[in-house]
Full PDB file with SEQRES, HELIX, SHEET, SSBOND, CRYST1, ORIGX, SCALE, CONECT and MASTER records, all heavy atoms in Angstrom:
SEQRES   1 A   40  ARG PHE THR ILE SER ARG ASP ASN VAL ARG ASN THR VAL          
SEQRES   2 A   40  SER LEU GLN MET LYS SER LEU LYS LEU GLU ASP THR ALA          
SEQRES   3 A   40  ILE TYR TYR CYS ASN THR GLN GLY ARG GLY GLN ASN TRP          
SEQRES   4 A   40  TRP                                                          
HELIX    1 AA1 LEU A   22  ASP A   24  5                                   3    
SHEET    1 AA1 2 PHE A   2  ASP A   7  0                                        
SHEET    2 AA1 2 THR A  12  MET A  17 -1                                        
SHEET    1 AA2 2 THR A  32  GLY A  34  0                                        
SHEET    2 AA2 2 GLN A  37  TRP A  39 -1                                        
CRYST1    1.000    1.000    1.000  90.00  90.00  90.00 P 1           1          
ORIGX1      1.000000  0.000000  0.000000        0.00000                         
ORIGX2      0.000000  1.000000  0.000000        0.00000                         
ORIGX3      0.000000  0.000000  1.000000        0.00000                         
SCALE1      1.000000  0.000000  0.000000        0.00000                         
SCALE2      0.000000  1.000000  0.000000        0.00000                         
SCALE3      0.000000  0.000000  1.000000        0.00000                         
ATOM      1  N   ARG A   1     110.448 159.099  24.599  1.00  0.00           N  
ATOM      2  CA  ARG A   1     110.449 160.081  23.524  1.00  0.00           C  
ATOM      3  C   ARG A   1     109.566 161.302  23.790  1.00  0.00           C  
ATOM      4  O   ARG A   1     109.871 162.422  23.386  1.00  0.00           O  
ATOM      5  CB  ARG A   1     110.002 159.423  22.211  1.00  0.00           C  
ATOM      6  CG  ARG A   1     110.848 158.265  21.769  1.00  0.00           C  
ATOM      7  CD  ARG A   1     110.467 157.783  20.385  1.00  0.00           C  
ATOM      8  NE  ARG A   1     109.097 157.276  20.310  1.00  0.00           N  
ATOM      9  CZ  ARG A   1     108.190 157.789  19.489  1.00  0.00           C  
ATOM     10  NH1 ARG A   1     108.494 158.767  18.695  1.00  0.00           N  
ATOM     11  NH2 ARG A   1     106.968 157.291  19.437  1.00  0.00           N  
ATOM     12  N   PHE A   2     108.453 161.066  24.427  1.00  0.00           N  
ATOM     13  CA  PHE A   2     107.494 162.148  24.713  1.00  0.00           C  
ATOM     14  C   PHE A   2     107.469 162.441  26.218  1.00  0.00           C  
ATOM     15  O   PHE A   2     107.654 161.559  27.061  1.00  0.00           O  
ATOM     16  CB  PHE A   2     106.094 161.752  24.307  1.00  0.00           C  
ATOM     17  CG  PHE A   2     105.836 161.599  22.851  1.00  0.00           C  
ATOM     18  CD1 PHE A   2     106.852 161.589  21.910  1.00  0.00           C  
ATOM     19  CD2 PHE A   2     104.528 161.504  22.390  1.00  0.00           C  
ATOM     20  CE1 PHE A   2     106.644 161.467  20.568  1.00  0.00           C  
ATOM     21  CE2 PHE A   2     104.243 161.364  21.011  1.00  0.00           C  
ATOM     22  CZ  PHE A   2     105.308 161.347  20.127  1.00  0.00           C  
ATOM     23  N   THR A   3     107.266 163.700  26.561  1.00  0.00           N  
ATOM     24  CA  THR A   3     107.007 164.056  27.920  1.00  0.00           C  
ATOM     25  C   THR A   3     105.779 164.990  27.988  1.00  0.00           C  
ATOM     26  O   THR A   3     105.565 165.719  27.043  1.00  0.00           O  
ATOM     27  CB  THR A   3     108.211 164.755  28.542  1.00  0.00           C  
ATOM     28  OG1 THR A   3     108.567 165.909  27.737  1.00  0.00           O  
ATOM     29  CG2 THR A   3     109.435 163.832  28.618  1.00  0.00           C  
ATOM     30  N   ILE A   4     105.094 164.964  29.079  1.00  0.00           N  
ATOM     31  CA  ILE A   4     103.936 165.825  29.286  1.00  0.00           C  
ATOM     32  C   ILE A   4     104.182 166.655  30.553  1.00  0.00           C  
ATOM     33  O   ILE A   4     104.738 166.205  31.511  1.00  0.00           O  
ATOM     34  CB  ILE A   4     102.648 164.989  29.434  1.00  0.00           C  
ATOM     35  CG1 ILE A   4     101.430 165.884  29.539  1.00  0.00           C  
ATOM     36  CG2 ILE A   4     102.720 164.028  30.599  1.00  0.00           C  
ATOM     37  CD1 ILE A   4     100.113 165.091  29.445  1.00  0.00           C  
ATOM     38  N   SER A   5     103.779 167.894  30.446  1.00  0.00           N  
ATOM     39  CA  SER A   5     103.908 168.815  31.597  1.00  0.00           C  
ATOM     40  C   SER A   5     102.745 169.738  31.661  1.00  0.00           C  
ATOM     41  O   SER A   5     102.045 169.923  30.682  1.00  0.00           O  
ATOM     42  CB  SER A   5     105.259 169.555  31.525  1.00  0.00           C  
ATOM     43  OG  SER A   5     105.277 170.376  30.341  1.00  0.00           O  
ATOM     44  N   ARG A   6     102.553 170.332  32.840  1.00  0.00           N  
ATOM     45  CA  ARG A   6     101.451 171.228  32.982  1.00  0.00           C  
ATOM     46  C   ARG A   6     101.897 172.481  33.681  1.00  0.00           C  
ATOM     47  O   ARG A   6     102.794 172.481  34.501  1.00  0.00           O  
ATOM     48  CB  ARG A   6     100.314 170.575  33.816  1.00  0.00           C  
ATOM     49  CG  ARG A   6     100.629 170.177  35.181  1.00  0.00           C  
ATOM     50  CD  ARG A   6      99.526 169.271  35.777  1.00  0.00           C  
ATOM     51  NE  ARG A   6      98.284 170.024  35.866  1.00  0.00           N  
ATOM     52  CZ  ARG A   6      97.056 169.461  35.829  1.00  0.00           C  
ATOM     53  NH1 ARG A   6      96.940 168.155  35.682  1.00  0.00           N  
ATOM     54  NH2 ARG A   6      96.001 170.185  35.984  1.00  0.00           N  
ATOM     55  N   ASP A   7     101.289 173.618  33.312  1.00  0.00           N  
ATOM     56  CA  ASP A   7     101.509 174.907  33.921  1.00  0.00           C  
ATOM     57  C   ASP A   7     100.166 175.415  34.383  1.00  0.00           C  
ATOM     58  O   ASP A   7      99.338 175.896  33.629  1.00  0.00           O  
ATOM     59  CB  ASP A   7     102.133 175.868  32.903  1.00  0.00           C  
ATOM     60  CG  ASP A   7     102.475 177.207  33.531  1.00  0.00           C  
ATOM     61  OD1 ASP A   7     101.851 177.624  34.526  1.00  0.00           O  
ATOM     62  OD2 ASP A   7     103.358 177.897  32.967  1.00  0.00           O  
ATOM     63  N   ASN A   8      99.924 175.258  35.695  1.00  0.00           N  
ATOM     64  CA  ASN A   8      98.570 175.568  36.278  1.00  0.00           C  
ATOM     65  C   ASN A   8      98.361 177.108  36.323  1.00  0.00           C  
ATOM     66  O   ASN A   8      97.229 177.528  36.474  1.00  0.00           O  
ATOM     67  CB  ASN A   8      98.451 174.945  37.615  1.00  0.00           C  
ATOM     68  CG  ASN A   8      98.299 173.458  37.590  1.00  0.00           C  
ATOM     69  OD1 ASN A   8      97.886 172.871  36.595  1.00  0.00           O  
ATOM     70  ND2 ASN A   8      98.733 172.799  38.635  1.00  0.00           N  
ATOM     71  N   VAL A   9      99.447 177.845  36.234  1.00  0.00           N  
ATOM     72  CA  VAL A   9      99.260 179.286  36.208  1.00  0.00           C  
ATOM     73  C   VAL A   9      98.790 179.766  34.879  1.00  0.00           C  
ATOM     74  O   VAL A   9      97.853 180.578  34.745  1.00  0.00           O  
ATOM     75  CB  VAL A   9     100.611 180.012  36.610  1.00  0.00           C  
ATOM     76  CG1 VAL A   9     100.486 181.509  36.445  1.00  0.00           C  
ATOM     77  CG2 VAL A   9     101.008 179.593  38.037  1.00  0.00           C  
ATOM     78  N   ARG A  10      99.398 179.258  33.844  1.00  0.00           N  
ATOM     79  CA  ARG A  10      99.048 179.619  32.458  1.00  0.00           C  
ATOM     80  C   ARG A  10      97.913 178.759  31.912  1.00  0.00           C  
ATOM     81  O   ARG A  10      97.480 178.947  30.811  1.00  0.00           O  
ATOM     82  CB  ARG A  10     100.249 179.559  31.542  1.00  0.00           C  
ATOM     83  CG  ARG A  10     101.334 180.554  31.868  1.00  0.00           C  
ATOM     84  CD  ARG A  10     102.514 180.474  30.885  1.00  0.00           C  
ATOM     85  NE  ARG A  10     103.438 181.575  31.013  1.00  0.00           N  
ATOM     86  CZ  ARG A  10     104.396 181.599  31.945  1.00  0.00           C  
ATOM     87  NH1 ARG A  10     104.511 180.600  32.768  1.00  0.00           N  
ATOM     88  NH2 ARG A  10     105.213 182.638  32.030  1.00  0.00           N  
ATOM     89  N   ASN A  11      97.447 177.777  32.691  1.00  0.00           N  
ATOM     90  CA  ASN A  11      96.416 176.870  32.246  1.00  0.00           C  
ATOM     91  C   ASN A  11      96.767 176.194  30.951  1.00  0.00           C  
ATOM     92  O   ASN A  11      95.924 176.129  30.023  1.00  0.00           O  
ATOM     93  CB  ASN A  11      95.086 177.638  32.120  1.00  0.00           C  
ATOM     94  CG  ASN A  11      94.202 177.427  33.359  1.00  0.00           C  
ATOM     95  OD1 ASN A  11      94.655 177.231  34.435  1.00  0.00           O  
ATOM     96  ND2 ASN A  11      92.904 177.605  33.192  1.00  0.00           N  
ATOM     97  N   THR A  12      97.963 175.689  30.851  1.00  0.00           N  
ATOM     98  CA  THR A  12      98.368 175.001  29.673  1.00  0.00           C  
ATOM     99  C   THR A  12      98.991 173.619  30.022  1.00  0.00           C  
ATOM    100  O   THR A  12      99.577 173.497  31.102  1.00  0.00           O  
ATOM    101  CB  THR A  12      99.409 175.806  28.877  1.00  0.00           C  
ATOM    102  OG1 THR A  12     100.573 176.004  29.702  1.00  0.00           O  
ATOM    103  CG2 THR A  12      98.878 177.132  28.409  1.00  0.00           C  
ATOM    104  N   VAL A  13      98.869 172.731  29.138  1.00  0.00           N  
ATOM    105  CA  VAL A  13      99.500 171.433  29.217  1.00  0.00           C  
ATOM    106  C   VAL A  13     100.241 171.215  27.919  1.00  0.00           C  
ATOM    107  O   VAL A  13      99.721 171.399  26.833  1.00  0.00           O  
ATOM    108  CB  VAL A  13      98.510 170.294  29.478  1.00  0.00           C  
ATOM    109  CG1 VAL A  13      99.207 168.964  29.429  1.00  0.00           C  
ATOM    110  CG2 VAL A  13      97.786 170.493  30.808  1.00  0.00           C  
ATOM    111  N   SER A  14     101.517 170.818  28.047  1.00  0.00           N  
ATOM    112  CA  SER A  14     102.340 170.649  26.861  1.00  0.00           C  
ATOM    113  C   SER A  14     102.731 169.201  26.652  1.00  0.00           C  
ATOM    114  O   SER A  14     102.830 168.389  27.608  1.00  0.00           O  
ATOM    115  CB  SER A  14     103.631 171.460  27.024  1.00  0.00           C  
ATOM    116  OG  SER A  14     103.316 172.858  27.141  1.00  0.00           O  
ATOM    117  N   LEU A  15     102.941 168.874  25.405  1.00  0.00           N  
ATOM    118  CA  LEU A  15     103.429 167.523  25.074  1.00  0.00           C  
ATOM    119  C   LEU A  15     104.694 167.761  24.207  1.00  0.00           C  
ATOM    120  O   LEU A  15     104.618 168.235  23.091  1.00  0.00           O  
ATOM    121  CB  LEU A  15     102.409 166.750  24.242  1.00  0.00           C  
ATOM    122  CG  LEU A  15     102.739 165.331  23.904  1.00  0.00           C  
ATOM    123  CD1 LEU A  15     102.831 164.463  25.126  1.00  0.00           C  
ATOM    124  CD2 LEU A  15     101.791 164.736  22.886  1.00  0.00           C  
ATOM    125  N   GLN A  16     105.852 167.474  24.845  1.00  0.00           N  
ATOM    126  CA  GLN A  16     107.098 167.525  24.114  1.00  0.00           C  
ATOM    127  C   GLN A  16     107.375 166.229  23.424  1.00  0.00           C  
ATOM    128  O   GLN A  16     107.437 165.208  24.092  1.00  0.00           O  
ATOM    129  CB  GLN A  16     108.221 167.899  25.087  1.00  0.00           C  
ATOM    130  CG  GLN A  16     109.600 167.975  24.439  1.00  0.00           C  
ATOM    131  CD  GLN A  16     109.715 169.191  23.501  1.00  0.00           C  
ATOM    132  OE1 GLN A  16     109.429 170.281  23.844  1.00  0.00           O  
ATOM    133  NE2 GLN A  16     110.118 168.890  22.255  1.00  0.00           N  
ATOM    134  N   MET A  17     107.535 166.285  22.133  1.00  0.00           N  
ATOM    135  CA  MET A  17     107.756 165.059  21.390  1.00  0.00           C  
ATOM    136  C   MET A  17     109.084 165.109  20.705  1.00  0.00           C  
ATOM    137  O   MET A  17     109.422 166.054  19.969  1.00  0.00           O  
ATOM    138  CB  MET A  17     106.667 164.969  20.282  1.00  0.00           C  
ATOM    139  CG  MET A  17     105.237 165.038  20.849  1.00  0.00           C  
ATOM    140  SD  MET A  17     103.949 164.725  19.626  1.00  0.00           S  
ATOM    141  CE  MET A  17     104.215 166.108  18.550  1.00  0.00           C  
ATOM    142  N   LYS A  18     109.920 164.079  20.933  1.00  0.00           N  
ATOM    143  CA  LYS A  18     111.239 163.982  20.355  1.00  0.00           C  
ATOM    144  C   LYS A  18     111.364 162.633  19.604  1.00  0.00           C  
ATOM    145  O   LYS A  18     110.560 161.738  19.780  1.00  0.00           O  
ATOM    146  CB  LYS A  18     112.293 164.121  21.445  1.00  0.00           C  
ATOM    147  CG  LYS A  18     112.276 165.418  22.200  1.00  0.00           C  
ATOM    148  CD  LYS A  18     113.397 165.452  23.265  1.00  0.00           C  
ATOM    149  CE  LYS A  18     113.348 166.755  24.033  1.00  0.00           C  
ATOM    150  NZ  LYS A  18     114.376 166.854  25.104  1.00  0.00           N  
ATOM    151  N   SER A  19     112.357 162.585  18.770  1.00  0.00           N  
ATOM    152  CA  SER A  19     112.667 161.348  18.017  1.00  0.00           C  
ATOM    153  C   SER A  19     111.381 160.853  17.359  1.00  0.00           C  
ATOM    154  O   SER A  19     111.025 159.652  17.409  1.00  0.00           O  
ATOM    155  CB  SER A  19     113.213 160.248  18.946  1.00  0.00           C  
ATOM    156  OG  SER A  19     114.397 160.732  19.603  1.00  0.00           O  
ATOM    157  N   LEU A  20     110.717 161.745  16.662  1.00  0.00           N  
ATOM    158  CA  LEU A  20     109.446 161.409  16.033  1.00  0.00           C  
ATOM    159  C   LEU A  20     109.631 160.375  14.964  1.00  0.00           C  
ATOM    160  O   LEU A  20     110.632 160.393  14.241  1.00  0.00           O  
ATOM    161  CB  LEU A  20     108.799 162.682  15.498  1.00  0.00           C  
ATOM    162  CG  LEU A  20     108.140 163.553  16.621  1.00  0.00           C  
ATOM    163  CD1 LEU A  20     107.902 164.954  16.124  1.00  0.00           C  
ATOM    164  CD2 LEU A  20     106.818 162.882  17.035  1.00  0.00           C  
ATOM    165  N   LYS A  21     108.597 159.514  14.861  1.00  0.00           N  
ATOM    166  CA  LYS A  21     108.624 158.434  13.919  1.00  0.00           C  
ATOM    167  C   LYS A  21     107.456 158.623  12.960  1.00  0.00           C  
ATOM    168  O   LYS A  21     106.511 159.338  13.246  1.00  0.00           O  
ATOM    169  CB  LYS A  21     108.479 157.082  14.585  1.00  0.00           C  
ATOM    170  CG  LYS A  21     109.504 156.819  15.651  1.00  0.00           C  
ATOM    171  CD  LYS A  21     109.235 155.500  16.379  1.00  0.00           C  
ATOM    172  CE  LYS A  21     110.276 155.200  17.443  1.00  0.00           C  
ATOM    173  NZ  LYS A  21     109.987 153.924  18.138  1.00  0.00           N  
ATOM    174  N   LEU A  22     107.543 157.942  11.805  1.00  0.00           N  
ATOM    175  CA  LEU A  22     106.480 158.019  10.834  1.00  0.00           C  
ATOM    176  C   LEU A  22     105.125 157.648  11.484  1.00  0.00           C  
ATOM    177  O   LEU A  22     104.096 158.290  11.200  1.00  0.00           O  
ATOM    178  CB  LEU A  22     106.746 157.096   9.647  1.00  0.00           C  
ATOM    179  CG  LEU A  22     107.946 157.418   8.834  1.00  0.00           C  
ATOM    180  CD1 LEU A  22     108.160 156.356   7.768  1.00  0.00           C  
ATOM    181  CD2 LEU A  22     107.875 158.788   8.154  1.00  0.00           C  
ATOM    182  N   GLU A  23     105.158 156.674  12.366  1.00  0.00           N  
ATOM    183  CA  GLU A  23     103.881 156.223  12.962  1.00  0.00           C  
ATOM    184  C   GLU A  23     103.321 157.159  14.006  1.00  0.00           C  
ATOM    185  O   GLU A  23     102.249 156.917  14.547  1.00  0.00           O  
ATOM    186  CB  GLU A  23     104.097 154.833  13.600  1.00  0.00           C  
ATOM    187  CG  GLU A  23     105.267 154.706  14.523  1.00  0.00           C  
ATOM    188  CD  GLU A  23     106.489 154.162  13.839  1.00  0.00           C  
ATOM    189  OE1 GLU A  23     106.805 154.573  12.700  1.00  0.00           O  
ATOM    190  OE2 GLU A  23     107.202 153.376  14.523  1.00  0.00           O  
ATOM    191  N   ASP A  24     104.042 158.223  14.305  1.00  0.00           N  
ATOM    192  CA  ASP A  24     103.482 159.264  15.242  1.00  0.00           C  
ATOM    193  C   ASP A  24     102.551 160.200  14.472  1.00  0.00           C  
ATOM    194  O   ASP A  24     101.926 161.057  15.090  1.00  0.00           O  
ATOM    195  CB  ASP A  24     104.607 160.057  15.883  1.00  0.00           C  
ATOM    196  CG  ASP A  24     105.447 159.207  16.790  1.00  0.00           C  
ATOM    197  OD1 ASP A  24     104.856 158.422  17.521  1.00  0.00           O  
ATOM    198  OD2 ASP A  24     106.648 159.383  16.795  1.00  0.00           O  
ATOM    199  N   THR A  25     102.509 160.070  13.180  1.00  0.00           N  
ATOM    200  CA  THR A  25     101.602 160.924  12.377  1.00  0.00           C  
ATOM    201  C   THR A  25     100.157 160.693  12.807  1.00  0.00           C  
ATOM    202  O   THR A  25      99.714 159.548  12.842  1.00  0.00           O  
ATOM    203  CB  THR A  25     101.752 160.627  10.878  1.00  0.00           C  
ATOM    204  OG1 THR A  25     103.067 161.012  10.475  1.00  0.00           O  
ATOM    205  CG2 THR A  25     100.714 161.356  10.071  1.00  0.00           C  
ATOM    206  N   ALA A  26      99.499 161.763  13.150  1.00  0.00           N  
ATOM    207  CA  ALA A  26      98.131 161.651  13.688  1.00  0.00           C  
ATOM    208  C   ALA A  26      97.592 163.043  14.002  1.00  0.00           C  
ATOM    209  O   ALA A  26      98.310 164.025  13.927  1.00  0.00           O  
ATOM    210  CB  ALA A  26      98.106 160.801  14.972  1.00  0.00           C  
ATOM    211  N   ILE A  27      96.295 163.100  14.299  1.00  0.00           N  
ATOM    212  CA  ILE A  27      95.734 164.284  14.857  1.00  0.00           C  
ATOM    213  C   ILE A  27      95.820 164.124  16.397  1.00  0.00           C  
ATOM    214  O   ILE A  27      95.364 163.061  16.920  1.00  0.00           O  
ATOM    215  CB  ILE A  27      94.266 164.534  14.458  1.00  0.00           C  
ATOM    216  CG1 ILE A  27      94.190 164.652  12.898  1.00  0.00           C  
ATOM    217  CG2 ILE A  27      93.715 165.755  15.071  1.00  0.00           C  
ATOM    218  CD1 ILE A  27      92.772 164.721  12.373  1.00  0.00           C  
ATOM    219  N   TYR A  28      96.368 165.066  17.079  1.00  0.00           N  
ATOM    220  CA  TYR A  28      96.523 165.033  18.482  1.00  0.00           C  
ATOM    221  C   TYR A  28      95.470 165.872  19.173  1.00  0.00           C  
ATOM    222  O   TYR A  28      95.308 167.040  18.826  1.00  0.00           O  
ATOM    223  CB  TYR A  28      97.935 165.477  18.881  1.00  0.00           C  
ATOM    224  CG  TYR A  28      98.987 164.433  18.562  1.00  0.00           C  
ATOM    225  CD1 TYR A  28      99.341 164.173  17.254  1.00  0.00           C  
ATOM    226  CD2 TYR A  28      99.589 163.697  19.568  1.00  0.00           C  
ATOM    227  CE1 TYR A  28     100.278 163.219  16.951  1.00  0.00           C  
ATOM    228  CE2 TYR A  28     100.552 162.749  19.285  1.00  0.00           C  
ATOM    229  CZ  TYR A  28     100.902 162.493  17.970  1.00  0.00           C  
ATOM    230  OH  TYR A  28     101.846 161.555  17.638  1.00  0.00           O  
ATOM    231  N   TYR A  29      94.805 165.259  20.169  1.00  0.00           N  
ATOM    232  CA  TYR A  29      93.726 165.931  20.878  1.00  0.00           C  
ATOM    233  C   TYR A  29      94.055 166.073  22.335  1.00  0.00           C  
ATOM    234  O   TYR A  29      94.614 165.135  22.966  1.00  0.00           O  
ATOM    235  CB  TYR A  29      92.444 165.131  20.736  1.00  0.00           C  
ATOM    236  CG  TYR A  29      91.914 164.985  19.344  1.00  0.00           C  
ATOM    237  CD1 TYR A  29      92.324 163.883  18.537  1.00  0.00           C  
ATOM    238  CD2 TYR A  29      91.049 165.911  18.779  1.00  0.00           C  
ATOM    239  CE1 TYR A  29      91.827 163.729  17.234  1.00  0.00           C  
ATOM    240  CE2 TYR A  29      90.535 165.732  17.483  1.00  0.00           C  
ATOM    241  CZ  TYR A  29      90.957 164.654  16.732  1.00  0.00           C  
ATOM    242  OH  TYR A  29      90.457 164.514  15.461  1.00  0.00           O  
ATOM    243  N   CYS A  30      93.656 167.193  22.876  1.00  0.00           N  
ATOM    244  CA  CYS A  30      93.770 167.456  24.286  1.00  0.00           C  
ATOM    245  C   CYS A  30      92.425 167.123  24.961  1.00  0.00           C  
ATOM    246  O   CYS A  30      91.348 167.388  24.356  1.00  0.00           O  
ATOM    247  CB  CYS A  30      94.141 168.885  24.496  1.00  0.00           C  
ATOM    248  SG  CYS A  30      94.468 169.353  26.212  1.00  0.00           S  
ATOM    249  N   ASN A  31      92.469 166.561  26.142  1.00  0.00           N  
ATOM    250  CA  ASN A  31      91.229 166.162  26.857  1.00  0.00           C  
ATOM    251  C   ASN A  31      91.406 166.462  28.347  1.00  0.00           C  
ATOM    252  O   ASN A  31      92.441 166.333  28.932  1.00  0.00           O  
ATOM    253  CB  ASN A  31      91.075 164.656  26.664  1.00  0.00           C  
ATOM    254  CG  ASN A  31      90.027 164.086  27.626  1.00  0.00           C  
ATOM    255  OD1 ASN A  31      90.359 163.655  28.703  1.00  0.00           O  
ATOM    256  ND2 ASN A  31      88.811 164.078  27.185  1.00  0.00           N  
ATOM    257  N   THR A  32      90.282 166.902  28.917  1.00  0.00           N  
ATOM    258  CA  THR A  32      90.214 167.006  30.380  1.00  0.00           C  
ATOM    259  C   THR A  32      88.838 166.575  30.830  1.00  0.00           C  
ATOM    260  O   THR A  32      87.868 166.552  30.062  1.00  0.00           O  
ATOM    261  CB  THR A  32      90.612 168.390  30.862  1.00  0.00           C  
ATOM    262  OG1 THR A  32      90.714 168.374  32.293  1.00  0.00           O  
ATOM    263  CG2 THR A  32      89.529 169.402  30.509  1.00  0.00           C  
ATOM    264  N   GLN A  33      88.742 166.224  32.076  1.00  0.00           N  
ATOM    265  CA  GLN A  33      87.465 165.708  32.623  1.00  0.00           C  
ATOM    266  C   GLN A  33      87.150 166.381  33.917  1.00  0.00           C  
ATOM    267  O   GLN A  33      88.108 166.808  34.684  1.00  0.00           O  
ATOM    268  CB  GLN A  33      87.563 164.240  32.850  1.00  0.00           C  
ATOM    269  CG  GLN A  33      87.935 163.413  31.616  1.00  0.00           C  
ATOM    270  CD  GLN A  33      88.213 161.964  31.956  1.00  0.00           C  
ATOM    271  OE1 GLN A  33      87.852 161.471  33.013  1.00  0.00           O  
ATOM    272  NE2 GLN A  33      88.805 161.257  30.990  1.00  0.00           N  
ATOM    273  N   GLY A  34      85.913 166.493  34.255  1.00  0.00           N  
ATOM    274  CA  GLY A  34      85.535 167.003  35.541  1.00  0.00           C  
ATOM    275  C   GLY A  34      84.023 167.352  35.549  1.00  0.00           C  
ATOM    276  O   GLY A  34      83.409 167.470  34.459  1.00  0.00           O  
ATOM    277  N   ARG A  35      83.475 167.492  36.700  1.00  0.00           N  
ATOM    278  CA  ARG A  35      82.048 167.813  36.880  1.00  0.00           C  
ATOM    279  C   ARG A  35      81.197 166.782  36.092  1.00  0.00           C  
ATOM    280  O   ARG A  35      80.147 167.120  35.585  1.00  0.00           O  
ATOM    281  CB  ARG A  35      81.702 169.203  36.354  1.00  0.00           C  
ATOM    282  CG  ARG A  35      82.589 170.310  36.873  1.00  0.00           C  
ATOM    283  CD  ARG A  35      82.266 171.567  36.121  1.00  0.00           C  
ATOM    284  NE  ARG A  35      83.329 172.582  36.325  1.00  0.00           N  
ATOM    285  CZ  ARG A  35      83.392 173.684  35.564  1.00  0.00           C  
ATOM    286  NH1 ARG A  35      82.509 173.936  34.651  1.00  0.00           N  
ATOM    287  NH2 ARG A  35      84.355 174.566  35.799  1.00  0.00           N  
ATOM    288  N   GLY A  36      81.679 165.545  36.009  1.00  0.00           N  
ATOM    289  CA  GLY A  36      80.955 164.506  35.248  1.00  0.00           C  
ATOM    290  C   GLY A  36      80.960 164.689  33.777  1.00  0.00           C  
ATOM    291  O   GLY A  36      80.191 164.037  33.045  1.00  0.00           O  
ATOM    292  N   GLN A  37      81.830 165.544  33.279  1.00  0.00           N  
ATOM    293  CA  GLN A  37      81.891 165.831  31.834  1.00  0.00           C  
ATOM    294  C   GLN A  37      83.283 165.527  31.290  1.00  0.00           C  
ATOM    295  O   GLN A  37      84.245 165.364  32.009  1.00  0.00           O  
ATOM    296  CB  GLN A  37      81.532 167.292  31.557  1.00  0.00           C  
ATOM    297  CG  GLN A  37      80.120 167.645  32.014  1.00  0.00           C  
ATOM    298  CD  GLN A  37      79.793 169.093  31.566  1.00  0.00           C  
ATOM    299  OE1 GLN A  37      79.696 169.418  30.381  1.00  0.00           O  
ATOM    300  NE2 GLN A  37      79.626 169.940  32.578  1.00  0.00           N  
ATOM    301  N   ASN A  38      83.304 165.455  29.968  1.00  0.00           N  
ATOM    302  CA  ASN A  38      84.576 165.158  29.221  1.00  0.00           C  
ATOM    303  C   ASN A  38      84.665 166.224  28.150  1.00  0.00           C  
ATOM    304  O   ASN A  38      83.789 166.417  27.328  1.00  0.00           O  
ATOM    305  CB  ASN A  38      84.363 163.771  28.604  1.00  0.00           C  
ATOM    306  CG  ASN A  38      85.689 163.054  28.419  1.00  0.00           C  
ATOM    307  OD1 ASN A  38      86.702 163.545  28.774  1.00  0.00           O  
ATOM    308  ND2 ASN A  38      85.579 161.867  27.817  1.00  0.00           N  
ATOM    309  N   TRP A  39      85.813 166.949  28.155  1.00  0.00           N  
ATOM    310  CA  TRP A  39      85.987 167.988  27.195  1.00  0.00           C  
ATOM    311  C   TRP A  39      87.157 167.681  26.271  1.00  0.00           C  
ATOM    312  O   TRP A  39      88.199 167.185  26.688  1.00  0.00           O  
ATOM    313  CB  TRP A  39      86.216 169.332  27.872  1.00  0.00           C  
ATOM    314  CG  TRP A  39      85.070 169.818  28.660  1.00  0.00           C  
ATOM    315  CD1 TRP A  39      83.937 170.408  28.225  1.00  0.00           C  
ATOM    316  CD2 TRP A  39      84.974 169.816  30.105  1.00  0.00           C  
ATOM    317  NE1 TRP A  39      83.101 170.760  29.227  1.00  0.00           N  
ATOM    318  CE2 TRP A  39      83.681 170.431  30.430  1.00  0.00           C  
ATOM    319  CE3 TRP A  39      85.763 169.399  31.152  1.00  0.00           C  
ATOM    320  CZ2 TRP A  39      83.264 170.577  31.730  1.00  0.00           C  
ATOM    321  CZ3 TRP A  39      85.332 169.515  32.426  1.00  0.00           C  
ATOM    322  CH2 TRP A  39      84.108 170.112  32.718  1.00  0.00           C  
ATOM    323  N   TRP A  40      86.999 168.124  24.971  1.00  0.00           N  
ATOM    324  CA  TRP A  40      88.011 167.862  23.964  1.00  0.00           C  
ATOM    325  C   TRP A  40      88.310 169.131  23.182  1.00  0.00           C  
ATOM    326  O   TRP A  40      87.398 169.969  23.002  1.00  0.00           O  
ATOM    327  CB  TRP A  40      87.511 166.793  23.003  1.00  0.00           C  
ATOM    328  CG  TRP A  40      87.321 165.459  23.565  1.00  0.00           C  
ATOM    329  CD1 TRP A  40      86.168 164.956  24.097  1.00  0.00           C  
ATOM    330  CD2 TRP A  40      88.299 164.397  23.656  1.00  0.00           C  
ATOM    331  NE1 TRP A  40      86.366 163.660  24.540  1.00  0.00           N  
ATOM    332  CE2 TRP A  40      87.637 163.337  24.259  1.00  0.00           C  
ATOM    333  CE3 TRP A  40      89.612 164.301  23.275  1.00  0.00           C  
ATOM    334  CZ2 TRP A  40      88.333 162.128  24.483  1.00  0.00           C  
ATOM    335  CZ3 TRP A  40      90.304 163.052  23.496  1.00  0.00           C  
ATOM    336  CH2 TRP A  40      89.644 162.006  24.110  1.00  0.00           C  
TER     337      TRP A  40                                                      
MASTER        0    0    0    1    4    0    0    6  336    1    0    4          
END                                                                             
């Protein structure tokens, strides 16, 4: 139902969500890691 993709030129990461269900209701957070750190 979901797919993830990245565009390194535009520095974006997308989450395509289809066939959404009631239980998909949530706050969605993006995360990356590096240099020993975690960013949200």
